Amino acid sequence: MAQLVECVPNFSEGKNQQIIDQITQPILDETGVHLLDVDMGADFNRTVVTMVGEPEQVLKTVIECTRIATRLIDMSKHKGEHARMGAVDVVPFIPISGITMEQCVILSKRYAEAVSNELDLPIYLYAEAATNPNRVSLPNIRRGEYEGFEEKISDPDWAPDFGPASFNPRMGVTATGARQILIAYNVNLDTDDKAKANIIASTIRTSGSLVKDEKGQKILDEGGKPLRKPGLFKSLQAAGWMYDDSTAQVSMNLLDFSITGLHDVTEAIRNEASIIGLNVTAGELVGLVPLEAMLSAGRFYIEDDTIDEDKVLVQKAISGLMLDRLDDFEPESSIIEWAIQKVV
C-alpha cells in the first residue's frame, strides 16, 4: 500500500489571491504531492489548504510553503474574524493510508525543527504530538491570539517546543502536530448578533459554558477553578463567528465524526436557534470531508432506509446539511476519498 499523508496548513491570508497562489505553487510543482483544495475566507482573512501525497514530498513541500508565507504575510497588519496566532497558523499531518499516527507525529516534529532552525519561528506541538496536556487542544494554545503572544511566549509554561521564546511581530507563532481527520463545519443563522451564535456554541460544544451567579460572576469550585456546564456533544469544538457583516454562524471542528456527526450538530443548532427565535440558513464545510461522514448524514436525512447508494446518500446529506445554500457543493472535489481518486 502506498504511503499517503494529508497536510492541511492554515495561512493567515484570505483576501489576496496572488499571495495564496505563490504560497501554493510549490504544491503544484512537487512530484508526488497533490493539491486537493484551497479554501479562502475573506472575512476570516484565512486560507485552508489541503494537500496529499508521499510523506517526504509533503514535508518538503509544506516547508517551502512556510518559507513563502512567512515572507509574504505580515501579521502586524493582519485583521480577521477567525482566531489566529501566526502567518502560518497551524500545520497538521493526518494519516491517510500506509502510514501510522506515530509516523505523522515524527513528520510534524521534523517540520517544526526545520522551520524553527531556518526561520527563527516559534513552534508549538499539539494534538498527538503535544508535549504536555495543556497543548493537546489547539484553542488552548491559541488563547490570547496573536495580540497576546508577546506576553504569553515569555511565560516559562508557554515556552515554544521549537524555536526562540521571543515574539516576532511579522511571523507570530505556529502550531504543528498530528491528528485524525477533522471536519471544519459551520452553520449560518439569520442574525447579525454574534453573541447569539456564541450562546448556541457554548450549549453544544464539549467544553460547555461557564457557570455564573446572579450577578454574572464566575462560580469557582473548591480548587478555585471556574465551574463549567458540560455541552451536549463529545469531540466538538465550537464558537460564534461572523460569516459576513449581516450573518452570524456557529463555527465548529468535529474532532471525531463517528462520535458526533454533521447531522447531530446541525439538528441541535436548529433546535437551539428556534428556542431563541432564530433559523438556520446554510451549512458550510471548510476544506474536505470524509465520505463516511457524508454517508452517515445521508442515512439520517433519507426517508427510505433501504437506499444505500453512496451518491444518493451524499445528495441527501448535501440537502439536509444545507451545503448548497451558499454556493454549489461539488462532492467529487469536496469528499476526501473522491478527491484523492481524481489526482492519485
C-alpha atoms as a PDB file:
ATOM      1  CA  MET A   1       0.000   0.000   0.000  1.00  0.00           C
ATOM      2  CA  ALA A   2       1.343   3.414  -0.979  1.00  0.00           C
ATOM      3  CA  GLN A   3       2.036   5.801   1.874  1.00  0.00           C
ATOM      4  CA  LEU A   4      -0.260   8.805   1.760  1.00  0.00           C
ATOM      5  CA  VAL A   5      -0.335  11.650   4.264  1.00  0.00           C
ATOM      6  CA  GLU A   6      -2.639  14.633   4.231  1.00  0.00           C
ATOM      7  CA  CYS A   7      -1.407  18.049   5.329  1.00  0.00           C
ATOM      8  CA  VAL A   8      -3.774  20.965   5.933  1.00  0.00           C
ATOM      9  CA  PRO A   9      -1.793  24.157   6.590  1.00  0.00           C
ATOM     10  CA  ASN A  10      -3.791  27.259   7.539  1.00  0.00           C
ATOM     11  CA  PHE A  11      -2.394  30.598   6.362  1.00  0.00           C
ATOM     12  CA  SER A  12      -3.421  33.972   7.775  1.00  0.00           C
ATOM     13  CA  GLU A  13      -4.320  35.491   4.420  1.00  0.00           C
ATOM     14  CA  GLY A  14      -7.739  35.181   2.821  1.00  0.00           C
ATOM     15  CA  LYS A  15      -8.074  38.239   0.610  1.00  0.00           C
ATOM     16  CA  ASN A  16      -5.040  38.422  -1.677  1.00  0.00           C
ATOM     17  CA  GLN A  17      -5.254  35.739  -4.355  1.00  0.00           C
ATOM     18  CA  GLN A  18      -1.747  36.466  -5.634  1.00  0.00           C
ATOM     19  CA  ILE A  19      -0.207  35.753  -2.234  1.00  0.00           C
ATOM     20  CA  ILE A  20      -2.102  32.474  -1.902  1.00  0.00           C
ATOM     21  CA  ASP A  21      -1.100  31.488  -5.445  1.00  0.00           C
ATOM     22  CA  GLN A  22       2.559  31.983  -4.537  1.00  0.00           C
ATOM     23  CA  ILE A  23       2.187  30.029  -1.295  1.00  0.00           C
ATOM     24  CA  THR A  24       0.514  27.070  -3.021  1.00  0.00           C
ATOM     25  CA  GLN A  25       2.747  26.974  -6.099  1.00  0.00           C
ATOM     26  CA  PRO A  26       5.233  24.502  -4.501  1.00  0.00           C
ATOM     27  CA  ILE A  27       2.360  22.009  -4.134  1.00  0.00           C
ATOM     28  CA  LEU A  28       1.679  22.209  -7.862  1.00  0.00           C
ATOM     29  CA  ASP A  29       5.385  21.906  -8.668  1.00  0.00           C
ATOM     30  CA  GLU A  30       6.256  18.929  -6.465  1.00  0.00           C
ATOM     31  CA  THR A  31       6.012  15.423  -7.916  1.00  0.00           C
ATOM     32  CA  GLY A  32       4.193  13.094  -5.535  1.00  0.00           C
ATOM     33  CA  VAL A  33       2.109  15.847  -3.927  1.00  0.00           C
ATOM     34  CA  HIS A  34      -1.423  16.797  -4.997  1.00  0.00           C
ATOM     35  CA  LEU A  35      -3.369  19.965  -4.197  1.00  0.00           C
ATOM     36  CA  LEU A  36      -6.896  18.931  -3.206  1.00  0.00           C
ATOM     37  CA  ASP A  37      -8.422  22.196  -2.018  1.00  0.00           C
ATOM     38  CA  VAL A  38      -7.758  25.885  -1.400  1.00  0.00           C
ATOM     39  CA  ASP A  39     -10.450  27.464   0.781  1.00  0.00           C
ATOM     40  CA  MET A  40     -10.029  31.241   1.046  1.00  0.00           C
ATOM     41  CA  GLY A  41     -12.143  33.169   3.550  1.00  0.00           C
ATOM     42  CA  ALA A  42     -12.090  36.954   3.189  1.00  0.00           C
ATOM     43  CA  ASP A  43     -13.883  37.746   6.474  1.00  0.00           C
ATOM     44  CA  PHE A  44     -11.741  35.268   8.381  1.00  0.00           C
ATOM     45  CA  ASN A  45      -8.727  36.537   6.367  1.00  0.00           C
ATOM     46  CA  ARG A  46      -7.540  32.958   6.375  1.00  0.00           C
ATOM     47  CA  THR A  47      -6.929  30.220   3.816  1.00  0.00           C
ATOM     48  CA  VAL A  48      -7.097  26.484   4.498  1.00  0.00           C
ATOM     49  CA  VAL A  49      -5.030  24.445   2.030  1.00  0.00           C
ATOM     50  CA  THR A  50      -5.346  20.676   1.660  1.00  0.00           C
ATOM     51  CA  MET A  51      -2.603  18.587   0.061  1.00  0.00           C
ATOM     52  CA  VAL A  52      -1.997  14.853  -0.036  1.00  0.00           C
ATOM     53  CA  GLY A  53       0.986  12.813  -1.104  1.00  0.00           C
ATOM     54  CA  GLU A  54       4.038  10.811  -0.159  1.00  0.00           C
ATOM     55  CA  PRO A  55       5.323  11.747   3.308  1.00  0.00           C
ATOM     56  CA  GLU A  56       8.776  13.021   2.362  1.00  0.00           C
ATOM     57  CA  GLN A  57       7.458  15.057  -0.536  1.00  0.00           C
ATOM     58  CA  VAL A  58       4.648  16.540   1.569  1.00  0.00           C
ATOM     59  CA  LEU A  59       7.138  17.515   4.282  1.00  0.00           C
ATOM     60  CA  LYS A  60       9.472  19.139   1.756  1.00  0.00           C
ATOM     61  CA  THR A  61       6.563  20.995   0.146  1.00  0.00           C
ATOM     62  CA  VAL A  62       4.955  22.401   3.300  1.00  0.00           C
ATOM     63  CA  ILE A  63       8.353  23.653   4.466  1.00  0.00           C
ATOM     64  CA  GLU A  64       8.684  25.577   1.198  1.00  0.00           C
ATOM     65  CA  CYS A  65       5.105  26.895   1.550  1.00  0.00           C
ATOM     66  CA  THR A  66       6.065  28.103   5.040  1.00  0.00           C
ATOM     67  CA  ARG A  67       9.130  29.940   3.728  1.00  0.00           C
ATOM     68  CA  ILE A  68       6.974  31.788   1.209  1.00  0.00           C
ATOM     69  CA  ALA A  69       4.115  32.548   3.620  1.00  0.00           C
ATOM     70  CA  THR A  70       6.370  33.981   6.324  1.00  0.00           C
ATOM     71  CA  ARG A  71       7.971  36.215   3.710  1.00  0.00           C
ATOM     72  CA  LEU A  72       4.716  37.497   2.223  1.00  0.00           C
ATOM     73  CA  ILE A  73       2.363  37.744   5.229  1.00  0.00           C
ATOM     74  CA  ASP A  74       2.891  40.455   7.831  1.00  0.00           C
ATOM     75  CA  MET A  75       0.929  39.554  10.954  1.00  0.00           C
ATOM     76  CA  SER A  76       1.400  43.026  12.435  1.00  0.00           C
ATOM     77  CA  LYS A  77      -1.063  44.237   9.787  1.00  0.00           C
ATOM     78  CA  HIS A  78      -3.422  41.257   9.912  1.00  0.00           C
ATOM     79  CA  LYS A  79      -7.073  41.570  10.890  1.00  0.00           C
ATOM     80  CA  GLY A  80      -9.597  38.753  10.688  1.00  0.00           C
ATOM     81  CA  GLU A  81     -12.592  37.199  12.370  1.00  0.00           C
ATOM     82  CA  HIS A  82     -11.043  33.773  12.995  1.00  0.00           C
ATOM     83  CA  ALA A  83      -8.748  33.149  15.974  1.00  0.00           C
ATOM     84  CA  ARG A  84      -5.139  33.207  14.803  1.00  0.00           C
ATOM     85  CA  MET A  85      -1.600  33.467  16.109  1.00  0.00           C
ATOM     86  CA  GLY A  86       0.751  33.333  13.131  1.00  0.00           C
ATOM     87  CA  ALA A  87       1.278  33.831   9.401  1.00  0.00           C
ATOM     88  CA  VAL A  88       1.379  30.041   9.164  1.00  0.00           C
ATOM     89  CA  ASP A  89      -1.160  29.380  11.870  1.00  0.00           C
ATOM     90  CA  VAL A  90      -1.283  25.591  12.076  1.00  0.00           C
ATOM     91  CA  VAL A  91       0.213  22.686  10.120  1.00  0.00           C
ATOM     92  CA  PRO A  92      -1.417  19.317  10.903  1.00  0.00           C
ATOM     93  CA  PHE A  93      -0.295  15.985   9.419  1.00  0.00           C
ATOM     94  CA  ILE A  94      -3.023  13.350   9.003  1.00  0.00           C
ATOM     95  CA  PRO A  95      -2.533   9.643   8.180  1.00  0.00           C
ATOM     96  CA  ILE A  96      -4.483   8.539   5.108  1.00  0.00           C
ATOM     97  CA  SER A  97      -3.036   5.182   4.045  1.00  0.00           C
ATOM     98  CA  GLY A  98       0.069   3.101   4.724  1.00  0.00           C
ATOM     99  CA  ILE A  99       1.272   5.441   7.469  1.00  0.00           C
ATOM    100  CA  THR A 100       0.746   5.457  11.224  1.00  0.00           C
ATOM    101  CA  MET A 101      -0.138   8.274  13.563  1.00  0.00           C
ATOM    102  CA  GLU A 102       3.270   7.980  15.186  1.00  0.00           C
ATOM    103  CA  GLN A 103       4.945   8.464  11.812  1.00  0.00           C
ATOM    104  CA  CYS A 104       2.852  11.604  11.347  1.00  0.00           C
ATOM    105  CA  VAL A 105       3.987  12.817  14.780  1.00  0.00           C
ATOM    106  CA  ILE A 106       7.582  12.374  13.616  1.00  0.00           C
ATOM    107  CA  LEU A 107       6.819  14.326  10.425  1.00  0.00           C
ATOM    108  CA  SER A 108       5.388  17.194  12.474  1.00  0.00           C
ATOM    109  CA  LYS A 109       8.487  17.294  14.679  1.00  0.00           C
ATOM    110  CA  ARG A 110      10.765  17.286  11.642  1.00  0.00           C
ATOM    111  CA  TYR A 111       8.741  20.152  10.191  1.00  0.00           C
ATOM    112  CA  ALA A 112       8.996  22.060  13.473  1.00  0.00           C
ATOM    113  CA  GLU A 113      12.736  21.537  13.725  1.00  0.00           C
ATOM    114  CA  ALA A 114      13.372  22.561  10.103  1.00  0.00           C
ATOM    115  CA  VAL A 115      11.347  25.789  10.026  1.00  0.00           C
ATOM    116  CA  SER A 116      12.295  26.891  13.530  1.00  0.00           C
ATOM    117  CA  ASN A 117      16.005  26.498  12.746  1.00  0.00           C
ATOM    118  CA  GLU A 118      15.814  28.231   9.381  1.00  0.00           C
ATOM    119  CA  LEU A 119      13.299  30.985  10.116  1.00  0.00           C
ATOM    120  CA  ASP A 120      13.631  31.501  13.904  1.00  0.00           C
ATOM    121  CA  LEU A 121       9.923  30.672  14.022  1.00  0.00           C
ATOM    122  CA  PRO A 122       8.483  29.634  17.423  1.00  0.00           C
ATOM    123  CA  ILE A 123       6.648  26.306  17.074  1.00  0.00           C
ATOM    124  CA  TYR A 124       4.181  24.598  19.415  1.00  0.00           C
ATOM    125  CA  LEU A 125       3.389  20.885  19.151  1.00  0.00           C
ATOM    126  CA  TYR A 126      -0.288  19.980  19.553  1.00  0.00           C
ATOM    127  CA  ALA A 127      -2.756  17.071  19.298  1.00  0.00           C
ATOM    128  CA  GLU A 128      -0.962  13.702  19.139  1.00  0.00           C
ATOM    129  CA  ALA A 129       2.427  15.451  19.092  1.00  0.00           C
ATOM    130  CA  ALA A 130       1.747  17.566  22.206  1.00  0.00           C
ATOM    131  CA  THR A 131       4.462  17.641  24.860  1.00  0.00           C
ATOM    132  CA  ASN A 132       2.070  18.240  27.759  1.00  0.00           C
ATOM    133  CA  PRO A 133      -1.706  18.087  28.367  1.00  0.00           C
ATOM    134  CA  ASN A 134      -2.137  21.873  28.104  1.00  0.00           C
ATOM    135  CA  ARG A 135      -1.023  21.738  24.473  1.00  0.00           C
ATOM    136  CA  VAL A 136      -3.219  18.947  23.151  1.00  0.00           C
ATOM    137  CA  SER A 137      -6.004  21.397  22.324  1.00  0.00           C
ATOM    138  CA  LEU A 138      -5.243  23.922  19.597  1.00  0.00           C
ATOM    139  CA  PRO A 139      -7.675  26.523  21.032  1.00  0.00           C
ATOM    140  CA  ASN A 140      -5.767  26.319  24.311  1.00  0.00           C
ATOM    141  CA  ILE A 141      -2.506  27.158  22.545  1.00  0.00           C
ATOM    142  CA  ARG A 142      -4.198  29.937  20.549  1.00  0.00           C
ATOM    143  CA  ARG A 143      -5.778  31.525  23.622  1.00  0.00           C
ATOM    144  CA  GLY A 144      -4.843  35.198  23.682  1.00  0.00           C
ATOM    145  CA  GLU A 145      -4.323  35.072  19.924  1.00  0.00           C
ATOM    146  CA  TYR A 146      -1.617  36.932  18.058  1.00  0.00           C
ATOM    147  CA  GLU A 147      -2.023  40.067  20.165  1.00  0.00           C
ATOM    148  CA  GLY A 148      -1.411  38.158  23.408  1.00  0.00           C
ATOM    149  CA  PHE A 149       1.613  36.145  22.369  1.00  0.00           C
ATOM    150  CA  GLU A 150       4.244  38.799  23.008  1.00  0.00           C
ATOM    151  CA  GLU A 151       3.490  38.323  26.706  1.00  0.00           C
ATOM    152  CA  LYS A 152       2.421  34.657  26.584  1.00  0.00           C
ATOM    153  CA  ILE A 153       5.598  33.393  24.929  1.00  0.00           C
ATOM    154  CA  SER A 154       7.713  34.855  27.751  1.00  0.00           C
ATOM    155  CA  ASP A 155       5.858  32.721  30.310  1.00  0.00           C
ATOM    156  CA  PRO A 156       8.006  29.613  31.040  1.00  0.00           C
ATOM    157  CA  ASP A 157       4.840  27.492  30.923  1.00  0.00           C
ATOM    158  CA  TRP A 158       4.338  28.619  27.322  1.00  0.00           C
ATOM    159  CA  ALA A 159       7.870  28.430  26.006  1.00  0.00           C
ATOM    160  CA  PRO A 160       7.680  27.017  22.445  1.00  0.00           C
ATOM    161  CA  ASP A 161       8.678  23.412  21.774  1.00  0.00           C
ATOM    162  CA  PHE A 162      10.969  24.546  18.971  1.00  0.00           C
ATOM    163  CA  GLY A 163      12.446  27.918  18.099  1.00  0.00           C
ATOM    164  CA  PRO A 164      13.092  31.026  20.165  1.00  0.00           C
ATOM    165  CA  ALA A 165      10.979  32.059  23.138  1.00  0.00           C
ATOM    166  CA  SER A 166      10.690  35.511  21.654  1.00  0.00           C
ATOM    167  CA  PHE A 167       7.917  37.126  19.680  1.00  0.00           C
ATOM    168  CA  ASN A 168       8.420  38.078  16.044  1.00  0.00           C
ATOM    169  CA  PRO A 169       5.614  40.542  15.177  1.00  0.00           C
ATOM    170  CA  ARG A 170       5.787  39.767  11.474  1.00  0.00           C
ATOM    171  CA  MET A 171       5.528  35.955  11.671  1.00  0.00           C
ATOM    172  CA  GLY A 172       3.813  35.352  15.002  1.00  0.00           C
ATOM    173  CA  VAL A 173       3.932  31.706  16.086  1.00  0.00           C
ATOM    174  CA  THR A 174       2.924  28.387  14.533  1.00  0.00           C
ATOM    175  CA  ALA A 175       1.449  25.113  15.810  1.00  0.00           C
ATOM    176  CA  THR A 176       2.051  21.734  14.216  1.00  0.00           C
ATOM    177  CA  GLY A 177       1.124  18.190  15.120  1.00  0.00           C
ATOM    178  CA  ALA A 178      -0.578  15.006  14.030  1.00  0.00           C
ATOM    179  CA  ARG A 179      -4.266  14.213  14.298  1.00  0.00           C
ATOM    180  CA  GLN A 180      -7.110  12.231  12.837  1.00  0.00           C
ATOM    181  CA  ILE A 181      -9.264  13.736  10.116  1.00  0.00           C
ATOM    182  CA  LEU A 182     -11.061  16.805  11.456  1.00  0.00           C
ATOM    183  CA  ILE A 183     -14.180  18.276   9.896  1.00  0.00           C
ATOM    184  CA  ALA A 184     -14.392  22.078   9.897  1.00  0.00           C
ATOM    185  CA  TYR A 185     -18.095  22.829   9.600  1.00  0.00           C
ATOM    186  CA  ASN A 186     -20.120  25.995  10.108  1.00  0.00           C
ATOM    187  CA  VAL A 187     -23.861  26.671  10.328  1.00  0.00           C
ATOM    188  CA  ASN A 188     -25.202  30.140   9.496  1.00  0.00           C
ATOM    189  CA  LEU A 189     -28.019  31.863  11.363  1.00  0.00           C
ATOM    190  CA  ASP A 190     -30.474  34.568  10.313  1.00  0.00           C
ATOM    191  CA  THR A 191     -28.991  37.154  12.675  1.00  0.00           C
ATOM    192  CA  ASP A 192     -26.090  39.572  12.784  1.00  0.00           C
ATOM    193  CA  ASP A 193     -25.669  39.036  16.527  1.00  0.00           C
ATOM    194  CA  LYS A 194     -22.519  37.008  17.182  1.00  0.00           C
ATOM    195  CA  ALA A 195     -23.424  36.752  20.873  1.00  0.00           C
ATOM    196  CA  LYS A 196     -26.443  34.597  19.984  1.00  0.00           C
ATOM    197  CA  ALA A 197     -24.233  32.289  17.920  1.00  0.00           C
ATOM    198  CA  ASN A 198     -21.901  32.071  20.910  1.00  0.00           C
ATOM    199  CA  ILE A 199     -24.784  31.067  23.175  1.00  0.00           C
ATOM    200  CA  ILE A 200     -25.617  28.172  20.863  1.00  0.00           C
ATOM    201  CA  ALA A 201     -21.945  27.217  20.505  1.00  0.00           C
ATOM    202  CA  SER A 202     -21.479  27.075  24.279  1.00  0.00           C
ATOM    203  CA  THR A 203     -24.539  24.835  24.586  1.00  0.00           C
ATOM    204  CA  ILE A 204     -23.326  22.198  22.121  1.00  0.00           C
ATOM    205  CA  ARG A 205     -19.508  22.148  22.418  1.00  0.00           C
ATOM    206  CA  THR A 206     -17.742  19.632  24.634  1.00  0.00           C
ATOM    207  CA  SER A 207     -16.263  22.277  26.933  1.00  0.00           C
ATOM    208  CA  GLY A 208     -19.725  23.741  27.535  1.00  0.00           C
ATOM    209  CA  SER A 209     -20.113  27.083  29.274  1.00  0.00           C
ATOM    210  CA  LEU A 210     -19.015  28.804  32.454  1.00  0.00           C
ATOM    211  CA  VAL A 211     -21.408  28.654  35.398  1.00  0.00           C
ATOM    212  CA  LYS A 212     -22.179  32.161  36.694  1.00  0.00           C
ATOM    213  CA  ASP A 213     -24.082  33.569  39.639  1.00  0.00           C
ATOM    214  CA  GLU A 214     -26.994  36.024  39.505  1.00  0.00           C
ATOM    215  CA  LYS A 215     -24.506  38.909  39.192  1.00  0.00           C
ATOM    216  CA  GLY A 216     -22.817  37.334  36.181  1.00  0.00           C
ATOM    217  CA  GLN A 217     -19.680  36.393  38.118  1.00  0.00           C
ATOM    218  CA  LYS A 218     -17.932  33.058  37.530  1.00  0.00           C
ATOM    219  CA  ILE A 219     -18.570  30.412  40.191  1.00  0.00           C
ATOM    220  CA  LEU A 220     -15.414  28.626  41.319  1.00  0.00           C
ATOM    221  CA  ASP A 221     -15.029  25.069  42.618  1.00  0.00           C
ATOM    222  CA  GLU A 222     -13.189  24.098  45.807  1.00  0.00           C
ATOM    223  CA  GLY A 223      -9.891  24.214  43.941  1.00  0.00           C
ATOM    224  CA  GLY A 224     -10.516  27.723  42.680  1.00  0.00           C
ATOM    225  CA  LYS A 225     -11.227  26.708  39.104  1.00  0.00           C
ATOM    226  CA  PRO A 226     -14.282  28.039  37.249  1.00  0.00           C
ATOM    227  CA  LEU A 227     -17.208  25.638  37.174  1.00  0.00           C
ATOM    228  CA  ARG A 228     -18.440  24.649  33.713  1.00  0.00           C
ATOM    229  CA  LYS A 229     -21.703  23.224  32.481  1.00  0.00           C
ATOM    230  CA  PRO A 230     -20.829  20.440  30.011  1.00  0.00           C
ATOM    231  CA  GLY A 231     -22.046  20.795  26.439  1.00  0.00           C
ATOM    232  CA  LEU A 232     -24.324  18.425  24.539  1.00  0.00           C
ATOM    233  CA  PHE A 233     -21.666  16.693  22.439  1.00  0.00           C
ATOM    234  CA  LYS A 234     -18.311  14.997  22.799  1.00  0.00           C
ATOM    235  CA  SER A 235     -15.349  15.645  20.472  1.00  0.00           C
ATOM    236  CA  LEU A 236     -16.723  19.020  19.405  1.00  0.00           C
ATOM    237  CA  GLN A 237     -15.196  22.490  19.436  1.00  0.00           C
ATOM    238  CA  ALA A 238     -17.490  25.417  18.674  1.00  0.00           C
ATOM    239  CA  ALA A 239     -17.603  29.197  18.811  1.00  0.00           C
ATOM    240  CA  GLY A 240     -19.706  32.024  17.456  1.00  0.00           C
ATOM    241  CA  TRP A 241     -18.237  33.901  14.490  1.00  0.00           C
ATOM    242  CA  MET A 242     -19.404  36.235  11.755  1.00  0.00           C
ATOM    243  CA  TYR A 243     -19.767  34.813   8.234  1.00  0.00           C
ATOM    244  CA  ASP A 244     -20.212  38.341   6.912  1.00  0.00           C
ATOM    245  CA  ASP A 245     -21.428  41.660   8.316  1.00  0.00           C
ATOM    246  CA  SER A 246     -25.040  40.502   8.453  1.00  0.00           C
ATOM    247  CA  THR A 247     -24.704  36.787   9.209  1.00  0.00           C
ATOM    248  CA  ALA A 248     -23.540  35.123  12.413  1.00  0.00           C
ATOM    249  CA  GLN A 249     -22.554  31.490  12.385  1.00  0.00           C
ATOM    250  CA  VAL A 250     -21.721  28.637  14.714  1.00  0.00           C
ATOM    251  CA  SER A 251     -18.195  27.641  13.679  1.00  0.00           C
ATOM    252  CA  MET A 252     -17.172  24.094  14.604  1.00  0.00           C
ATOM    253  CA  ASN A 253     -14.456  21.476  14.498  1.00  0.00           C
ATOM    254  CA  LEU A 254     -15.788  17.915  14.637  1.00  0.00           C
ATOM    255  CA  LEU A 255     -12.852  16.009  16.108  1.00  0.00           C
ATOM    256  CA  ASP A 256     -14.396  12.552  15.661  1.00  0.00           C
ATOM    257  CA  PHE A 257     -17.388  12.352  13.345  1.00  0.00           C
ATOM    258  CA  SER A 258     -18.080   8.755  14.416  1.00  0.00           C
ATOM    259  CA  ILE A 259     -18.949  10.149  17.863  1.00  0.00           C
ATOM    260  CA  THR A 260     -20.548  13.462  16.869  1.00  0.00           C
ATOM    261  CA  GLY A 261     -21.768  13.669  13.293  1.00  0.00           C
ATOM    262  CA  LEU A 262     -22.605  16.510  10.939  1.00  0.00           C
ATOM    263  CA  HIS A 263     -26.334  15.874  11.217  1.00  0.00           C
ATOM    264  CA  ASP A 264     -26.131  15.708  15.024  1.00  0.00           C
ATOM    265  CA  VAL A 265     -24.766  19.229  15.343  1.00  0.00           C
ATOM    266  CA  THR A 266     -26.939  20.623  12.536  1.00  0.00           C
ATOM    267  CA  GLU A 267     -30.164  19.475  14.150  1.00  0.00           C
ATOM    268  CA  ALA A 268     -29.027  20.579  17.604  1.00  0.00           C
ATOM    269  CA  ILE A 269     -28.233  24.055  16.285  1.00  0.00           C
ATOM    270  CA  ARG A 270     -31.589  24.152  14.501  1.00  0.00           C
ATOM    271  CA  ASN A 271     -33.325  23.318  17.785  1.00  0.00           C
ATOM    272  CA  GLU A 272     -31.303  25.755  19.930  1.00  0.00           C
ATOM    273  CA  ALA A 273     -31.798  28.500  17.340  1.00  0.00           C
ATOM    274  CA  SER A 274     -35.573  28.029  17.370  1.00  0.00           C
ATOM    275  CA  ILE A 275     -35.616  28.423  21.154  1.00  0.00           C
ATOM    276  CA  ILE A 276     -34.212  31.953  20.825  1.00  0.00           C
ATOM    277  CA  GLY A 277     -36.294  32.826  17.768  1.00  0.00           C
ATOM    278  CA  LEU A 278     -33.721  32.185  15.045  1.00  0.00           C
ATOM    279  CA  ASN A 279     -33.457  29.942  11.988  1.00  0.00           C
ATOM    280  CA  VAL A 280     -30.525  28.135  10.400  1.00  0.00           C
ATOM    281  CA  THR A 281     -29.934  29.293   6.832  1.00  0.00           C
ATOM    282  CA  ALA A 282     -26.942  27.378   5.455  1.00  0.00           C
ATOM    283  CA  GLY A 283     -24.185  24.889   6.182  1.00  0.00           C
ATOM    284  CA  GLU A 284     -20.569  25.373   5.156  1.00  0.00           C
ATOM    285  CA  LEU A 285     -17.656  22.928   5.019  1.00  0.00           C
ATOM    286  CA  VAL A 286     -14.148  24.369   5.186  1.00  0.00           C
ATOM    287  CA  GLY A 287     -11.774  22.023   3.429  1.00  0.00           C
ATOM    288  CA  LEU A 288     -12.626  18.408   2.701  1.00  0.00           C
ATOM    289  CA  VAL A 289     -14.883  15.879   4.409  1.00  0.00           C
ATOM    290  CA  PRO A 290     -14.613  12.074   4.767  1.00  0.00           C
ATOM    291  CA  LEU A 291     -17.071  10.056   2.694  1.00  0.00           C
ATOM    292  CA  GLU A 292     -18.418   8.161   5.700  1.00  0.00           C
ATOM    293  CA  ALA A 293     -19.326  11.421   7.445  1.00  0.00           C
ATOM    294  CA  MET A 294     -21.495  12.368   4.466  1.00  0.00           C
ATOM    295  CA  LEU A 295     -22.998   8.882   4.172  1.00  0.00           C
ATOM    296  CA  SER A 296     -23.914   8.931   7.853  1.00  0.00           C
ATOM    297  CA  ALA A 297     -25.678  12.271   7.419  1.00  0.00           C
ATOM    298  CA  GLY A 298     -27.389  10.975   4.282  1.00  0.00           C
ATOM    299  CA  ARG A 299     -28.752   7.954   6.157  1.00  0.00           C
ATOM    300  CA  PHE A 300     -30.166  10.321   8.771  1.00  0.00           C
ATOM    301  CA  TYR A 301     -31.925  12.576   6.276  1.00  0.00           C
ATOM    302  CA  ILE A 302     -33.145   9.999   3.750  1.00  0.00           C
ATOM    303  CA  GLU A 303     -36.713   8.805   4.137  1.00  0.00           C
ATOM    304  CA  ASP A 304     -36.175   5.372   2.573  1.00  0.00           C
ATOM    305  CA  ASP A 305     -33.703   3.447   4.726  1.00  0.00           C
ATOM    306  CA  THR A 306     -33.420   0.694   2.113  1.00  0.00           C
ATOM    307  CA  ILE A 307     -31.410   3.006  -0.153  1.00  0.00           C
ATOM    308  CA  ASP A 308     -27.671   2.602   0.323  1.00  0.00           C
ATOM    309  CA  GLU A 309     -26.184   4.020  -2.878  1.00  0.00           C
ATOM    310  CA  ASP A 310     -23.321   6.349  -1.997  1.00  0.00           C
ATOM    311  CA  LYS A 311     -24.213   9.073  -4.491  1.00  0.00           C
ATOM    312  CA  VAL A 312     -27.860   9.161  -3.406  1.00  0.00           C
ATOM    313  CA  LEU A 313     -26.922   9.348   0.268  1.00  0.00           C
ATOM    314  CA  VAL A 314     -24.390  12.101  -0.421  1.00  0.00           C
ATOM    315  CA  GLN A 315     -27.027  14.165  -2.218  1.00  0.00           C
ATOM    316  CA  LYS A 316     -29.384  13.744   0.741  1.00  0.00           C
ATOM    317  CA  ALA A 317     -26.603  14.876   3.058  1.00  0.00           C
ATOM    318  CA  ILE A 318     -25.911  17.950   0.919  1.00  0.00           C
ATOM    319  CA  SER A 319     -29.584  18.907   1.063  1.00  0.00           C
ATOM    320  CA  GLY A 320     -30.083  18.130   4.756  1.00  0.00           C
ATOM    321  CA  LEU A 321     -26.928  19.962   5.817  1.00  0.00           C
ATOM    322  CA  MET A 322     -27.790  22.895   3.521  1.00  0.00           C
ATOM    323  CA  LEU A 323     -24.373  22.727   1.874  1.00  0.00           C
ATOM    324  CA  ASP A 324     -25.765  24.008  -1.428  1.00  0.00           C
ATOM    325  CA  ARG A 325     -27.248  27.222   0.010  1.00  0.00           C
ATOM    326  CA  LEU A 326     -24.146  29.436  -0.135  1.00  0.00           C
ATOM    327  CA  ASP A 327     -22.619  28.016  -3.309  1.00  0.00           C
ATOM    328  CA  ASP A 328     -22.592  24.897  -5.444  1.00  0.00           C
ATOM    329  CA  PHE A 329     -21.243  21.915  -3.495  1.00  0.00           C
ATOM    330  CA  GLU A 330     -19.135  19.601  -5.651  1.00  0.00           C
ATOM    331  CA  PRO A 331     -18.844  16.221  -3.887  1.00  0.00           C
ATOM    332  CA  GLU A 332     -16.161  14.939  -6.282  1.00  0.00           C
ATOM    333  CA  SER A 333     -13.852  17.719  -5.116  1.00  0.00           C
ATOM    334  CA  SER A 334     -15.055  18.049  -1.524  1.00  0.00           C
ATOM    335  CA  ILE A 335     -15.074  14.432  -0.307  1.00  0.00           C
ATOM    336  CA  ILE A 336     -11.575  13.280   0.596  1.00  0.00           C
ATOM    337  CA  GLU A 337     -11.712   9.807  -0.925  1.00  0.00           C
ATOM    338  CA  TRP A 338     -13.273  11.009  -4.168  1.00  0.00           C
ATOM    339  CA  ALA A 339     -10.868  13.954  -4.476  1.00  0.00           C
ATOM    340  CA  ILE A 340      -7.870  11.655  -3.988  1.00  0.00           C
ATOM    341  CA  GLN A 341      -9.160   9.283  -6.672  1.00  0.00           C
ATOM    342  CA  LYS A 342      -9.139  12.177  -9.134  1.00  0.00           C
ATOM    343  CA  VAL A 343      -5.482  13.035  -8.619  1.00  0.00           C
ATOM    344  CA  VAL A 344      -3.596   9.947  -7.396  1.00  0.00           C
END
